[in-house]
Amino acid sequence: MAKKKTAKKAVEKTTKKTAADGPAADKTAAKTKAVKKKVKRKKKSTEPTRFRLIWGVYSSSMREEARFDYDCRKDADKKADQLTAKGKKKLYWVQPIKEEVIPEPEEDDE
């Protein structure tokens, strides 16, 4: 807060001096004043991005083996168990995946 008060006092002193000096001093004082630049703000996107959740079956080398819809978690677990039983010392597990839903463009009938 102390800096603000001293800055205000300094501005008051300079304005008093320039007013007393005459019109030539007013021009130099006007040039020394800093001009604030307008801040350009980004517009918010009109529609938020939508995501859907799916289940992915992964191997121990992080390779995706299969994908299942969110309501088919049991099927994803079965697939992971089948691959584990069939595999050679590899582990398989189920992990959720968030994937962006891209809306289809609407076509205008003319």
PDB file of N, CA and C in Angstrom:
ATOM      1  N   MET A   1       0.817  -1.181   0.000  1.00  0.00           N
ATOM      2  CA  MET A   1       0.000   0.000   0.000  1.00  0.00           C
ATOM      3  C   MET A   1       0.870   1.258   0.000  1.00  0.00           C
ATOM      4  N   ALA A   2       2.055   1.200   0.585  1.00  0.00           N
ATOM      5  CA  ALA A   2       2.914   2.374   0.676  1.00  0.00           C
ATOM      6  C   ALA A   2       3.365   2.815  -0.715  1.00  0.00           C
ATOM      7  N   LYS A   3       3.593   1.885  -1.606  1.00  0.00           N
ATOM      8  CA  LYS A   3       4.033   2.231  -2.949  1.00  0.00           C
ATOM      9  C   LYS A   3       2.944   2.979  -3.708  1.00  0.00           C
ATOM     10  N   LYS A   4       1.713   2.616  -3.513  1.00  0.00           N
ATOM     11  CA  LYS A   4       0.615   3.281  -4.200  1.00  0.00           C
ATOM     12  C   LYS A   4       0.505   4.733  -3.756  1.00  0.00           C
ATOM     13  N   LYS A   5       0.660   4.970  -2.479  1.00  0.00           N
ATOM     14  CA  LYS A   5       0.552   6.328  -1.957  1.00  0.00           C
ATOM     15  C   LYS A   5       1.682   7.193  -2.500  1.00  0.00           C
ATOM     16  N   THR A   6       2.898   6.667  -2.528  1.00  0.00           N
ATOM     17  CA  THR A   6       4.026   7.447  -3.033  1.00  0.00           C
ATOM     18  C   THR A   6       3.890   7.687  -4.521  1.00  0.00           C
ATOM     19  N   ALA A   7       3.342   6.740  -5.259  1.00  0.00           N
ATOM     20  CA  ALA A   7       3.145   6.915  -6.690  1.00  0.00           C
ATOM     21  C   ALA A   7       2.107   8.002  -6.943  1.00  0.00           C
ATOM     22  N   LYS A   8       1.058   8.045  -6.142  1.00  0.00           N
ATOM     23  CA  LYS A   8       0.035   9.073  -6.294  1.00  0.00           C
ATOM     24  C   LYS A   8       0.617  10.451  -6.005  1.00  0.00           C
ATOM     25  N   LYS A   9       1.451  10.546  -4.972  1.00  0.00           N
ATOM     26  CA  LYS A   9       2.070  11.819  -4.623  1.00  0.00           C
ATOM     27  C   LYS A   9       2.995  12.292  -5.742  1.00  0.00           C
ATOM     28  N   ALA A  10       3.730  11.359  -6.342  1.00  0.00           N
ATOM     29  CA  ALA A  10       4.638  11.719  -7.427  1.00  0.00           C
ATOM     30  C   ALA A  10       3.861  12.225  -8.626  1.00  0.00           C
ATOM     31  N   VAL A  11       2.732  11.617  -8.920  1.00  0.00           N
ATOM     32  CA  VAL A  11       1.903  12.053 -10.039  1.00  0.00           C
ATOM     33  C   VAL A  11       1.339  13.432  -9.765  1.00  0.00           C
ATOM     34  N   GLU A  12       0.907  13.677  -8.540  1.00  0.00           N
ATOM     35  CA  GLU A  12       0.366  14.985  -8.176  1.00  0.00           C
ATOM     36  C   GLU A  12       1.434  16.076  -8.306  1.00  0.00           C
ATOM     37  N   LYS A  13       2.655  15.767  -7.906  1.00  0.00           N
ATOM     38  CA  LYS A  13       3.736  16.746  -7.990  1.00  0.00           C
ATOM     39  C   LYS A  13       4.035  17.094  -9.444  1.00  0.00           C
ATOM     40  N   THR A  14       4.070  16.093 -10.321  1.00  0.00           N
ATOM     41  CA  THR A  14       4.380  16.346 -11.725  1.00  0.00           C
ATOM     42  C   THR A  14       3.264  17.133 -12.400  1.00  0.00           C
ATOM     43  N   THR A  15       2.021  16.870 -12.041  1.00  0.00           N
ATOM     44  CA  THR A  15       0.926  17.616 -12.653  1.00  0.00           C
ATOM     45  C   THR A  15       0.921  19.059 -12.189  1.00  0.00           C
ATOM     46  N   LYS A  16       1.301  19.315 -10.933  1.00  0.00           N
ATOM     47  CA  LYS A  16       1.371  20.690 -10.437  1.00  0.00           C
ATOM     48  C   LYS A  16       2.472  21.466 -11.157  1.00  0.00           C
ATOM     49  N   LYS A  17       3.620  20.835 -11.369  1.00  0.00           N
ATOM     50  CA  LYS A  17       4.732  21.488 -12.039  1.00  0.00           C
ATOM     51  C   LYS A  17       4.384  21.806 -13.491  1.00  0.00           C
ATOM     52  N   THR A  18       3.752  20.851 -14.181  1.00  0.00           N
ATOM     53  CA  THR A  18       3.441  21.047 -15.597  1.00  0.00           C
ATOM     54  C   THR A  18       2.388  22.124 -15.779  1.00  0.00           C
ATOM     55  N   ALA A  19       1.463  22.228 -14.870  1.00  0.00           N
ATOM     56  CA  ALA A  19       0.446  23.266 -14.978  1.00  0.00           C
ATOM     57  C   ALA A  19       1.074  24.637 -14.765  1.00  0.00           C
ATOM     58  N   ALA A  20       2.077  24.723 -13.926  1.00  0.00           N
ATOM     59  CA  ALA A  20       2.728  25.993 -13.643  1.00  0.00           C
ATOM     60  C   ALA A  20       3.693  26.389 -14.760  1.00  0.00           C
ATOM     61  N   ASP A  21       4.275  25.416 -15.453  1.00  0.00           N
ATOM     62  CA  ASP A  21       5.273  25.706 -16.480  1.00  0.00           C
ATOM     63  C   ASP A  21       4.659  26.281 -17.753  1.00  0.00           C
ATOM     64  N   GLY A  22       3.464  25.883 -18.101  1.00  0.00           N
ATOM     65  CA  GLY A  22       2.830  26.441 -19.292  1.00  0.00           C
ATOM     66  C   GLY A  22       2.422  25.356 -20.279  1.00  0.00           C
ATOM     67  N   PRO A  23       1.981  25.740 -21.483  1.00  0.00           N
ATOM     68  CA  PRO A  23       1.468  24.779 -22.457  1.00  0.00           C
ATOM     69  C   PRO A  23       2.538  23.842 -23.017  1.00  0.00           C
ATOM     70  N   ALA A  24       3.773  24.250 -23.093  1.00  0.00           N
ATOM     71  CA  ALA A  24       4.835  23.376 -23.608  1.00  0.00           C
ATOM     72  C   ALA A  24       5.059  22.192 -22.671  1.00  0.00           C
ATOM     73  N   ALA A  25       4.967  22.439 -21.398  1.00  0.00           N
ATOM     74  CA  ALA A  25       5.145  21.370 -20.414  1.00  0.00           C
ATOM     75  C   ALA A  25       3.976  20.411 -20.440  1.00  0.00           C
ATOM     76  N   ASP A  26       2.766  20.886 -20.786  1.00  0.00           N
ATOM     77  CA  ASP A  26       1.593  20.007 -20.870  1.00  0.00           C
ATOM     78  C   ASP A  26       1.772  18.967 -21.967  1.00  0.00           C
ATOM     79  N   LYS A  27       2.364  19.361 -23.078  1.00  0.00           N
ATOM     80  CA  LYS A  27       2.576  18.426 -24.192  1.00  0.00           C
ATOM     81  C   LYS A  27       3.541  17.318 -23.808  1.00  0.00           C
ATOM     82  N   THR A  28       4.607  17.653 -23.120  1.00  0.00           N
ATOM     83  CA  THR A  28       5.575  16.632 -22.719  1.00  0.00           C
ATOM     84  C   THR A  28       4.986  15.710 -21.661  1.00  0.00           C
ATOM     85  N   ALA A  29       4.138  16.270 -20.793  1.00  0.00           N
ATOM     86  CA  ALA A  29       3.507  15.448 -19.763  1.00  0.00           C
ATOM     87  C   ALA A  29       2.514  14.481 -20.403  1.00  0.00           C
ATOM     88  N   ALA A  30       1.841  14.918 -21.464  1.00  0.00           N
ATOM     89  CA  ALA A  30       0.889  14.044 -22.142  1.00  0.00           C
ATOM     90  C   ALA A  30       1.606  12.899 -22.837  1.00  0.00           C
ATOM     91  N   LYS A  31       2.812  13.171 -23.353  1.00  0.00           N
ATOM     92  CA  LYS A  31       3.572  12.123 -24.029  1.00  0.00           C
ATOM     93  C   LYS A  31       4.090  11.086 -23.043  1.00  0.00           C
ATOM     94  N   THR A  32       4.440  11.523 -21.843  1.00  0.00           N
ATOM     95  CA  THR A  32       5.009  10.596 -20.869  1.00  0.00           C
ATOM     96  C   THR A  32       3.982   9.693 -20.232  1.00  0.00           C
ATOM     97  N   LYS A  33       2.703  10.049 -20.318  1.00  0.00           N
ATOM     98  CA  LYS A  33       1.671   9.190 -19.738  1.00  0.00           C
ATOM     99  C   LYS A  33       1.579   7.908 -20.552  1.00  0.00           C
ATOM    100  N   ALA A  34       1.517   6.805 -19.866  1.00  0.00           N
ATOM    101  CA  ALA A  34       1.455   5.502 -20.527  1.00  0.00           C
ATOM    102  C   ALA A  34       0.039   5.251 -21.035  1.00  0.00           C
ATOM    103  N   VAL A  35      -0.041   4.768 -22.254  1.00  0.00           N
ATOM    104  CA  VAL A  35      -1.329   4.439 -22.846  1.00  0.00           C
ATOM    105  C   VAL A  35      -1.577   2.957 -22.611  1.00  0.00           C
ATOM    106  N   LYS A  36      -2.723   2.644 -22.034  1.00  0.00           N
ATOM    107  CA  LYS A  36      -3.051   1.247 -21.767  1.00  0.00           C
ATOM    108  C   LYS A  36      -3.505   0.572 -23.051  1.00  0.00           C
ATOM    109  N   LYS A  37      -2.974  -0.606 -23.276  1.00  0.00           N
ATOM    110  CA  LYS A  37      -3.369  -1.372 -24.456  1.00  0.00           C
ATOM    111  C   LYS A  37      -4.613  -2.180 -24.134  1.00  0.00           C
ATOM    112  N   LYS A  38      -5.455  -2.341 -25.123  1.00  0.00           N
ATOM    113  CA  LYS A  38      -6.660  -3.137 -24.932  1.00  0.00           C
ATOM    114  C   LYS A  38      -6.284  -4.605 -24.943  1.00  0.00           C
ATOM    115  N   VAL A  39      -6.863  -5.333 -24.033  1.00  0.00           N
ATOM    116  CA  VAL A  39      -6.593  -6.756 -23.927  1.00  0.00           C
ATOM    117  C   VAL A  39      -7.594  -7.498 -24.799  1.00  0.00           C
ATOM    118  N   LYS A  40      -7.064  -8.313 -25.703  1.00  0.00           N
ATOM    119  CA  LYS A  40      -7.941  -9.120 -26.540  1.00  0.00           C
ATOM    120  C   LYS A  40      -8.223 -10.419 -25.809  1.00  0.00           C
ATOM    121  N   ARG A  41      -9.481 -10.705 -25.634  1.00  0.00           N
ATOM    122  CA  ARG A  41      -9.870 -11.919 -24.921  1.00  0.00           C
ATOM    123  C   ARG A  41     -10.405 -12.931 -25.902  1.00  0.00           C
ATOM    124  N   LYS A  42     -10.070 -14.163 -25.628  1.00  0.00           N
ATOM    125  CA  LYS A  42     -10.551 -15.239 -26.485  1.00  0.00           C
ATOM    126  C   LYS A  42     -12.011 -15.517 -26.173  1.00  0.00           C
ATOM    127  N   LYS A  43     -12.757 -15.778 -27.204  1.00  0.00           N
ATOM    128  CA  LYS A  43     -14.163 -16.109 -27.003  1.00  0.00           C
ATOM    129  C   LYS A  43     -14.270 -17.553 -26.540  1.00  0.00           C
ATOM    130  N   LYS A  44     -15.198 -17.770 -25.648  1.00  0.00           N
ATOM    131  CA  LYS A  44     -15.419 -19.129 -25.178  1.00  0.00           C
ATOM    132  C   LYS A  44     -16.106 -19.914 -26.285  1.00  0.00           C
ATOM    133  N   SER A  45     -15.791 -21.198 -26.348  1.00  0.00           N
ATOM    134  CA  SER A  45     -16.434 -22.019 -27.361  1.00  0.00           C
ATOM    135  C   SER A  45     -17.926 -22.107 -27.057  1.00  0.00           C
ATOM    136  N   THR A  46     -18.720 -22.124 -28.100  1.00  0.00           N
ATOM    137  CA  THR A  46     -20.161 -22.098 -27.906  1.00  0.00           C
ATOM    138  C   THR A  46     -20.668 -23.399 -27.295  1.00  0.00           C
ATOM    139  N   GLU A  47     -20.076 -24.506 -27.690  1.00  0.00           N
ATOM    140  CA  GLU A  47     -20.521 -25.797 -27.158  1.00  0.00           C
ATOM    141  C   GLU A  47     -19.357 -26.474 -26.438  1.00  0.00           C
ATOM    142  N   PRO A  48     -19.595 -27.003 -25.257  1.00  0.00           N
ATOM    143  CA  PRO A  48     -18.526 -27.724 -24.569  1.00  0.00           C
ATOM    144  C   PRO A  48     -18.263 -29.065 -25.260  1.00  0.00           C
ATOM    145  N   THR A  49     -17.037 -29.543 -25.157  1.00  0.00           N
ATOM    146  CA  THR A  49     -16.708 -30.832 -25.756  1.00  0.00           C
ATOM    147  C   THR A  49     -17.351 -31.939 -24.934  1.00  0.00           C
ATOM    148  N   ARG A  50     -17.853 -32.926 -25.621  1.00  0.00           N
ATOM    149  CA  ARG A  50     -18.508 -34.049 -24.955  1.00  0.00           C
ATOM    150  C   ARG A  50     -17.626 -35.279 -25.068  1.00  0.00           C
ATOM    151  N   PHE A  51     -17.612 -36.080 -24.009  1.00  0.00           N
ATOM    152  CA  PHE A  51     -16.825 -37.292 -23.976  1.00  0.00           C
ATOM    153  C   PHE A  51     -17.729 -38.476 -23.662  1.00  0.00           C
ATOM    154  N   ARG A  52     -17.299 -39.650 -24.093  1.00  0.00           N
ATOM    155  CA  ARG A  52     -17.985 -40.874 -23.701  1.00  0.00           C
ATOM    156  C   ARG A  52     -16.952 -41.800 -23.086  1.00  0.00           C
ATOM    157  N   LEU A  53     -17.407 -42.646 -22.191  1.00  0.00           N
ATOM    158  CA  LEU A  53     -16.523 -43.549 -21.481  1.00  0.00           C
ATOM    159  C   LEU A  53     -16.685 -44.948 -22.040  1.00  0.00           C
ATOM    160  N   ILE A  54     -15.568 -45.571 -22.380  1.00  0.00           N
ATOM    161  CA  ILE A  54     -15.584 -46.955 -22.866  1.00  0.00           C
ATOM    162  C   ILE A  54     -14.539 -47.743 -22.072  1.00  0.00           C
ATOM    163  N   TRP A  55     -14.633 -49.062 -22.133  1.00  0.00           N
ATOM    164  CA  TRP A  55     -13.687 -49.930 -21.440  1.00  0.00           C
ATOM    165  C   TRP A  55     -12.696 -50.478 -22.455  1.00  0.00           C
ATOM    166  N   GLY A  56     -11.422 -50.414 -22.113  1.00  0.00           N
ATOM    167  CA  GLY A  56     -10.374 -50.960 -22.968  1.00  0.00           C
ATOM    168  C   GLY A  56      -9.651 -52.084 -22.254  1.00  0.00           C
ATOM    169  N   VAL A  57      -9.358 -53.149 -22.991  1.00  0.00           N
ATOM    170  CA  VAL A  57      -8.589 -54.268 -22.450  1.00  0.00           C
ATOM    171  C   VAL A  57      -7.150 -54.081 -22.912  1.00  0.00           C
ATOM    172  N   TYR A  58      -6.227 -54.002 -21.954  1.00  0.00           N
ATOM    173  CA  TYR A  58      -4.831 -53.742 -22.258  1.00  0.00           C
ATOM    174  C   TYR A  58      -3.946 -54.905 -21.837  1.00  0.00           C
ATOM    175  N   SER A  59      -2.822 -55.061 -22.558  1.00  0.00           N
ATOM    176  CA  SER A  59      -1.840 -56.084 -22.211  1.00  0.00           C
ATOM    177  C   SER A  59      -0.762 -55.447 -21.346  1.00  0.00           C
ATOM    178  N   SER A  60       0.175 -56.247 -20.873  1.00  0.00           N
ATOM    179  CA  SER A  60       1.236 -55.737 -20.014  1.00  0.00           C
ATOM    180  C   SER A  60       2.188 -54.805 -20.764  1.00  0.00           C
ATOM    181  N   SER A  61       2.177 -54.855 -22.072  1.00  0.00           N
ATOM    182  CA  SER A  61       3.003 -53.931 -22.863  1.00  0.00           C
ATOM    183  C   SER A  61       2.216 -52.687 -23.275  1.00  0.00           C
ATOM    184  N   MET A  62       1.078 -52.432 -22.597  1.00  0.00           N
ATOM    185  CA  MET A  62       0.200 -51.288 -22.829  1.00  0.00           C
ATOM    186  C   MET A  62      -0.370 -51.255 -24.252  1.00  0.00           C
ATOM    187  N   ARG A  63      -0.535 -52.404 -24.820  1.00  0.00           N
ATOM    188  CA  ARG A  63      -1.157 -52.509 -26.135  1.00  0.00           C
ATOM    189  C   ARG A  63      -2.645 -52.730 -25.933  1.00  0.00           C
ATOM    190  N   GLU A  64      -3.455 -51.967 -26.651  1.00  0.00           N
ATOM    191  CA  GLU A  64      -4.903 -52.106 -26.509  1.00  0.00           C
ATOM    192  C   GLU A  64      -5.359 -53.329 -27.311  1.00  0.00           C
ATOM    193  N   GLU A  65      -6.013 -54.262 -26.627  1.00  0.00           N
ATOM    194  CA  GLU A  65      -6.449 -55.499 -27.264  1.00  0.00           C
ATOM    195  C   GLU A  65      -7.897 -55.431 -27.731  1.00  0.00           C
ATOM    196  N   ALA A  66      -8.763 -54.789 -26.967  1.00  0.00           N
ATOM    197  CA  ALA A  66     -10.183 -54.712 -27.330  1.00  0.00           C
ATOM    198  C   ALA A  66     -10.816 -53.493 -26.662  1.00  0.00           C
ATOM    199  N   ARG A  67     -11.986 -53.082 -27.225  1.00  0.00           N
ATOM    200  CA  ARG A  67     -12.783 -51.982 -26.663  1.00  0.00           C
ATOM    201  C   ARG A  67     -14.216 -52.449 -26.492  1.00  0.00           C
ATOM    202  N   PHE A  68     -14.827 -51.973 -25.395  1.00  0.00           N
ATOM    203  CA  PHE A  68     -16.216 -52.319 -25.127  1.00  0.00           C
ATOM    204  C   PHE A  68     -16.960 -51.066 -24.676  1.00  0.00           C
ATOM    205  N   ASP A  69     -18.266 -51.037 -24.940  1.00  0.00           N
ATOM    206  CA  ASP A  69     -19.092 -49.925 -24.484  1.00  0.00           C
ATOM    207  C   ASP A  69     -19.123 -49.913 -22.953  1.00  0.00           C
ATOM    208  N   TYR A  70     -19.569 -48.784 -22.410  1.00  0.00           N
ATOM    209  CA  TYR A  70     -19.551 -48.611 -20.960  1.00  0.00           C
ATOM    210  C   TYR A  70     -20.441 -49.625 -20.253  1.00  0.00           C
ATOM    211  N   ASP A  71     -21.555 -49.980 -20.851  1.00  0.00           N
ATOM    212  CA  ASP A  71     -22.467 -50.909 -20.185  1.00  0.00           C
ATOM    213  C   ASP A  71     -22.044 -52.377 -20.349  1.00  0.00           C
ATOM    214  N   CYS A  72     -20.962 -52.650 -21.036  1.00  0.00           N
ATOM    215  CA  CYS A  72     -20.485 -54.026 -21.263  1.00  0.00           C
ATOM    216  C   CYS A  72     -19.214 -54.318 -20.465  1.00  0.00           C
ATOM    217  N   ARG A  73     -19.162 -53.905 -19.224  1.00  0.00           N
ATOM    218  CA  ARG A  73     -17.974 -54.121 -18.391  1.00  0.00           C
ATOM    219  C   ARG A  73     -17.728 -55.610 -18.161  1.00  0.00           C
ATOM    220  N   LYS A  74     -18.797 -56.387 -18.007  1.00  0.00           N
ATOM    221  CA  LYS A  74     -18.639 -57.825 -17.772  1.00  0.00           C
ATOM    222  C   LYS A  74     -17.977 -58.498 -18.962  1.00  0.00           C
ATOM    223  N   ASP A  75     -18.358 -58.083 -20.165  1.00  0.00           N
ATOM    224  CA  ASP A  75     -17.746 -58.649 -21.374  1.00  0.00           C
ATOM    225  C   ASP A  75     -16.259 -58.300 -21.449  1.00  0.00           C
ATOM    226  N   ALA A  76     -15.922 -57.099 -21.042  1.00  0.00           N
ATOM    227  CA  ALA A  76     -14.519 -56.675 -21.049  1.00  0.00           C
ATOM    228  C   ALA A  76     -13.711 -57.500 -20.046  1.00  0.00           C
ATOM    229  N   ASP A  77     -14.285 -57.753 -18.870  1.00  0.00           N
ATOM    230  CA  ASP A  77     -13.597 -58.581 -17.876  1.00  0.00           C
ATOM    231  C   ASP A  77     -13.410 -60.014 -18.383  1.00  0.00           C
ATOM    232  N   LYS A  78     -14.427 -60.556 -19.064  1.00  0.00           N
ATOM    233  CA  LYS A  78     -14.323 -61.913 -19.618  1.00  0.00           C
ATOM    234  C   LYS A  78     -13.204 -61.988 -20.653  1.00  0.00           C
ATOM    235  N   LYS A  79     -13.124 -60.969 -21.516  1.00  0.00           N
ATOM    236  CA  LYS A  79     -12.092 -60.932 -22.548  1.00  0.00           C
ATOM    237  C   LYS A  79     -10.707 -60.875 -21.920  1.00  0.00           C
ATOM    238  N   ALA A  80     -10.552 -60.080 -20.868  1.00  0.00           N
ATOM    239  CA  ALA A  80      -9.270 -59.983 -20.175  1.00  0.00           C
ATOM    240  C   ALA A  80      -8.896 -61.321 -19.539  1.00  0.00           C
ATOM    241  N   ASP A  81      -9.877 -62.015 -18.945  1.00  0.00           N
ATOM    242  CA  ASP A  81      -9.614 -63.325 -18.344  1.00  0.00           C
ATOM    243  C   ASP A  81      -9.235 -64.365 -19.399  1.00  0.00           C
ATOM    244  N   GLN A  82      -9.917 -64.328 -20.552  1.00  0.00           N
ATOM    245  CA  GLN A  82      -9.602 -65.257 -21.643  1.00  0.00           C
ATOM    246  C   GLN A  82      -8.179 -65.045 -22.153  1.00  0.00           C
ATOM    247  N   LEU A  83      -7.809 -63.799 -22.347  1.00  0.00           N
ATOM    248  CA  LEU A  83      -6.469 -63.517 -22.845  1.00  0.00           C
ATOM    249  C   LEU A  83      -5.398 -63.873 -21.822  1.00  0.00           C
ATOM    250  N   THR A  84      -5.693 -63.691 -20.534  1.00  0.00           N
ATOM    251  CA  THR A  84      -4.738 -64.049 -19.488  1.00  0.00           C
ATOM    252  C   THR A  84      -4.536 -65.557 -19.435  1.00  0.00           C
ATOM    253  N   ALA A  85      -5.629 -66.310 -19.562  1.00  0.00           N
ATOM    254  CA  ALA A  85      -5.538 -67.775 -19.529  1.00  0.00           C
ATOM    255  C   ALA A  85      -4.804 -68.304 -20.767  1.00  0.00           C
ATOM    256  N   LYS A  86      -4.990 -67.665 -21.881  1.00  0.00           N
ATOM    257  CA  LYS A  86      -4.405 -68.086 -23.147  1.00  0.00           C
ATOM    258  C   LYS A  86      -2.950 -67.627 -23.286  1.00  0.00           C
ATOM    259  N   GLY A  87      -2.601 -66.494 -22.688  1.00  0.00           N
ATOM    260  CA  GLY A  87      -1.293 -65.865 -22.878  1.00  0.00           C
ATOM    261  C   GLY A  87      -0.166 -66.563 -22.162  1.00  0.00           C
ATOM    262  N   LYS A  88       1.045 -66.128 -22.502  1.00  0.00           N
ATOM    263  CA  LYS A  88       2.260 -66.686 -21.910  1.00  0.00           C
ATOM    264  C   LYS A  88       2.830 -65.681 -20.910  1.00  0.00           C
ATOM    265  N   LYS A  89       2.414 -65.766 -19.687  1.00  0.00           N
ATOM    266  CA  LYS A  89       2.903 -64.910 -18.597  1.00  0.00           C
ATOM    267  C   LYS A  89       2.610 -63.430 -18.838  1.00  0.00           C
ATOM    268  N   LYS A  90       1.621 -63.124 -19.626  1.00  0.00           N
ATOM    269  CA  LYS A  90       1.227 -61.734 -19.830  1.00  0.00           C
ATOM    270  C   LYS A  90       0.013 -61.430 -18.976  1.00  0.00           C
ATOM    271  N   LEU A  91      -0.033 -60.206 -18.518  1.00  0.00           N
ATOM    272  CA  LEU A  91      -1.179 -59.758 -17.750  1.00  0.00           C
ATOM    273  C   LEU A  91      -2.077 -58.914 -18.652  1.00  0.00           C
ATOM    274  N   TYR A  92      -3.366 -59.049 -18.451  1.00  0.00           N
ATOM    275  CA  TYR A  92      -4.349 -58.246 -19.167  1.00  0.00           C
ATOM    276  C   TYR A  92      -5.293 -57.641 -18.146  1.00  0.00           C
ATOM    277  N   TRP A  93      -5.668 -56.385 -18.373  1.00  0.00           N
ATOM    278  CA  TRP A  93      -6.585 -55.728 -17.453  1.00  0.00           C
ATOM    279  C   TRP A  93      -7.517 -54.800 -18.208  1.00  0.00           C
ATOM    280  N   VAL A  94      -8.555 -54.361 -17.494  1.00  0.00           N
ATOM    281  CA  VAL A  94      -9.573 -53.472 -18.059  1.00  0.00           C
ATOM    282  C   VAL A  94      -9.347 -52.072 -17.492  1.00  0.00           C
ATOM    283  N   GLN A  95      -9.386 -51.095 -18.379  1.00  0.00           N
ATOM    284  CA  GLN A  95      -9.143 -49.715 -17.978  1.00  0.00           C
ATOM    285  C   GLN A  95     -10.133 -48.807 -18.708  1.00  0.00           C
ATOM    286  N   PRO A  96     -10.695 -47.789 -18.020  1.00  0.00           N
ATOM    287  CA  PRO A  96     -11.618 -46.868 -18.697  1.00  0.00           C
ATOM    288  C   PRO A  96     -10.880 -45.929 -19.652  1.00  0.00           C
ATOM    289  N   ILE A  97     -11.535 -45.593 -20.751  1.00  0.00           N
ATOM    290  CA  ILE A  97     -10.986 -44.678 -21.751  1.00  0.00           C
ATOM    291  C   ILE A  97     -12.014 -43.584 -22.002  1.00  0.00           C
ATOM    292  N   LYS A  98     -11.582 -42.327 -21.938  1.00  0.00           N
ATOM    293  CA  LYS A  98     -12.452 -41.204 -22.289  1.00  0.00           C
ATOM    294  C   LYS A  98     -12.164 -40.843 -23.743  1.00  0.00           C
ATOM    295  N   GLU A  99     -13.206 -40.843 -24.546  1.00  0.00           N
ATOM    296  CA  GLU A  99     -13.044 -40.542 -25.958  1.00  0.00           C
ATOM    297  C   GLU A  99     -14.000 -39.426 -26.336  1.00  0.00           C
ATOM    298  N   GLU A 100     -13.522 -38.473 -27.120  1.00  0.00           N
ATOM    299  CA  GLU A 100     -14.324 -37.314 -27.484  1.00  0.00           C
ATOM    300  C   GLU A 100     -15.388 -37.705 -28.497  1.00  0.00           C
ATOM    301  N   VAL A 101     -16.600 -37.192 -28.267  1.00  0.00           N
ATOM    302  CA  VAL A 101     -17.707 -37.432 -29.187  1.00  0.00           C
ATOM    303  C   VAL A 101     -17.719 -36.277 -30.180  1.00  0.00           C
ATOM    304  N   ILE A 102     -17.582 -36.606 -31.453  1.00  0.00           N
ATOM    305  CA  ILE A 102     -17.582 -35.593 -32.499  1.00  0.00           C
ATOM    306  C   ILE A 102     -18.967 -35.568 -33.126  1.00  0.00           C
ATOM    307  N   PRO A 103     -19.676 -34.444 -32.988  1.00  0.00           N
ATOM    308  CA  PRO A 103     -21.032 -34.385 -33.555  1.00  0.00           C
ATOM    309  C   PRO A 103     -20.980 -34.365 -35.080  1.00  0.00           C
ATOM    310  N   GLU A 104     -21.958 -35.005 -35.674  1.00  0.00           N
ATOM    311  CA  GLU A 104     -22.032 -35.030 -37.134  1.00  0.00           C
ATOM    312  C   GLU A 104     -22.590 -33.695 -37.616  1.00  0.00           C
ATOM    313  N   PRO A 105     -22.035 -33.159 -38.685  1.00  0.00           N
ATOM    314  CA  PRO A 105     -22.552 -31.886 -39.188  1.00  0.00           C
ATOM    315  C   PRO A 105     -23.962 -32.044 -39.740  1.00  0.00           C
ATOM    316  N   GLU A 106     -24.798 -31.060 -39.444  1.00  0.00           N
ATOM    317  CA  GLU A 106     -26.180 -31.113 -39.916  1.00  0.00           C
ATOM    318  C   GLU A 106     -26.230 -30.648 -41.368  1.00  0.00           C
ATOM    319  N   GLU A 107     -26.957 -31.373 -42.182  1.00  0.00           N
ATOM    320  CA  GLU A 107     -27.084 -31.002 -43.587  1.00  0.00           C
ATOM    321  C   GLU A 107     -28.392 -30.256 -43.786  1.00  0.00           C
ATOM    322  N   ASP A 108     -28.330 -29.166 -44.516  1.00  0.00           N
ATOM    323  CA  ASP A 108     -29.536 -28.387 -44.827  1.00  0.00           C
ATOM    324  C   ASP A 108     -30.128 -28.908 -46.137  1.00  0.00           C
ATOM    325  N   ASP A 109     -31.425 -29.199 -46.097  1.00  0.00           N
ATOM    326  CA  ASP A 109     -32.117 -29.632 -47.308  1.00  0.00           C
ATOM    327  C   ASP A 109     -32.656 -28.402 -48.022  1.00  0.00           C
ATOM    328  N   GLU A 110     -32.161 -28.189 -49.215  1.00  0.00           N
ATOM    329  CA  GLU A 110     -32.634 -27.023 -49.967  1.00  0.00           C
ATOM    330  C   GLU A 110     -33.369 -27.445 -51.200  1.00  0.00           C
TER     331      GLU A 110
END
